[in-house]
Amino acid sequence: MRFIYTIVIVLTVLLVASFAVANSDEVDLFYYFGRVSLPLSLALTIFLSAGCLLGVSVCLKSIIGAKYQIRILKQEIKLANKEISNLRAIPIKDQH
């Protein structure tokens, strides 16, 4: 299994390196305060990373909310189970 991970990592590095070599042309990025000239592969990497971070930060609120809801529901289950076990311990009184 470790061998497969090593092969996947090596292939990924080779793919990224060939991408960087094939896209080494300079591009100008214009923004509000000026401009900067970067290799295309570096600009794509920066914007891909920024997009991933933005996506994770947007999903983080939902994930935290879901974990909070799970914690509350687990507490309710514990309380319900305790109540059920207490009710089972009470002897049944028959009126017949």
Protein backbone atom coordinates (compact mmCIF):
# COMPACT_ATOMS: atom_id res chain seq x y z
CA MET A 1 0.00 0.00 0.00
CA ARG A 2 2.86 2.35 0.82
CA PHE A 3 4.32 1.61 -2.60
CA ILE A 4 1.08 2.74 -4.29
CA TYR A 5 1.08 6.01 -2.28
CA THR A 6 4.69 6.63 -3.32
CA ILE A 7 3.84 6.07 -6.98
CA VAL A 8 0.82 8.39 -6.76
CA ILE A 9 2.92 11.12 -5.11
CA VAL A 10 5.70 10.81 -7.69
CA LEU A 11 3.19 10.93 -10.56
CA THR A 12 1.51 13.98 -9.03
CA VAL A 13 4.83 15.79 -8.65
CA LEU A 14 5.75 14.96 -12.25
CA LEU A 15 2.36 16.17 -13.46
CA VAL A 16 2.67 19.44 -11.55
CA ALA A 17 6.23 19.97 -12.76
CA SER A 18 5.26 19.37 -16.39
CA PHE A 19 2.29 21.74 -15.95
CA ALA A 20 4.61 24.44 -14.56
CA VAL A 21 7.08 24.01 -17.41
CA ALA A 22 4.35 24.06 -20.07
CA ASN A 23 2.77 27.21 -18.55
CA SER A 24 5.83 29.25 -17.71
CA ASP A 25 4.73 32.28 -19.76
CA GLU A 26 4.43 35.52 -17.85
CA VAL A 27 0.98 37.02 -17.35
CA ASP A 28 0.10 40.46 -16.06
CA LEU A 29 -2.38 40.60 -13.23
CA PHE A 30 -4.07 43.95 -12.86
CA TYR A 31 -5.62 44.81 -9.51
CA TYR A 32 -6.84 48.01 -7.87
CA PHE A 33 -3.46 49.29 -6.70
CA GLY A 34 -1.26 48.26 -9.58
CA ARG A 35 -0.19 45.22 -11.50
CA VAL A 36 2.15 42.30 -11.09
CA SER A 37 3.75 39.95 -13.59
CA LEU A 38 3.75 36.26 -12.62
CA PRO A 39 4.23 32.93 -14.37
CA LEU A 40 0.87 31.51 -15.44
CA SER A 41 1.34 28.32 -13.41
CA LEU A 42 2.02 30.32 -10.24
CA ALA A 43 -1.01 32.55 -10.82
CA LEU A 44 -3.24 29.50 -11.35
CA THR A 45 -1.86 27.86 -8.20
CA ILE A 46 -2.49 30.99 -6.14
CA PHE A 47 -6.07 31.37 -7.37
CA LEU A 48 -6.80 27.65 -6.98
CA SER A 49 -5.54 27.78 -3.38
CA ALA A 50 -7.56 30.92 -2.66
CA GLY A 51 -10.68 29.26 -4.08
CA CYS A 52 -10.15 26.16 -1.96
CA LEU A 53 -9.69 28.24 1.19
CA LEU A 54 -12.80 30.27 0.39
CA GLY A 55 -14.82 27.09 -0.19
CA VAL A 56 -13.63 25.55 3.08
CA SER A 57 -14.41 28.72 5.02
CA VAL A 58 -17.93 28.83 3.57
CA CYS A 59 -18.55 25.16 4.45
CA LEU A 60 -17.03 25.53 7.91
CA LYS A 61 -20.11 27.31 9.29
CA SER A 62 -22.36 24.48 8.15
CA ILE A 63 -20.02 21.83 9.54
CA ILE A 64 -19.78 23.53 12.94
CA GLY A 65 -23.56 23.96 13.06
CA ALA A 66 -24.11 20.29 12.21
CA LYS A 67 -21.65 19.15 14.90
CA TYR A 68 -23.44 21.33 17.45
CA GLN A 69 -26.79 19.84 16.43
CA ILE A 70 -25.36 16.31 16.71
CA ARG A 71 -24.11 17.06 20.22
CA ILE A 72 -27.56 18.33 21.28
CA LEU A 73 -29.29 15.29 19.76
CA LYS A 74 -26.88 12.91 21.53
CA GLN A 75 -27.71 14.58 24.84
CA GLU A 76 -31.43 14.18 24.11
CA ILE A 77 -30.90 10.48 23.30
CA LYS A 78 -29.05 9.95 26.60
CA LEU A 79 -31.88 11.64 28.47
CA ALA A 80 -34.53 9.57 26.63
CA ASN A 81 -32.62 6.33 27.30
CA LYS A 82 -32.31 7.20 30.98
CA GLU A 83 -36.03 7.93 31.16
CA ILE A 84 -36.86 4.64 29.42
CA SER A 85 -34.66 2.65 31.81
CA ASN A 86 -36.31 4.39 34.78
CA LEU A 87 -39.77 3.58 33.42
CA ARG A 88 -38.80 -0.08 32.94
CA ALA A 89 -37.66 -0.26 36.55
CA ILE A 90 -41.07 0.83 37.89
CA PRO A 91 -43.23 -2.22 38.72
CA ILE A 92 -46.51 -2.52 36.86
CA LYS A 93 -49.54 -2.30 39.17
CA ASP A 94 -52.53 -4.22 37.86
CA GLN A 95 -56.04 -3.18 38.94
CA HIS A 96 -57.72 -6.59 38.26
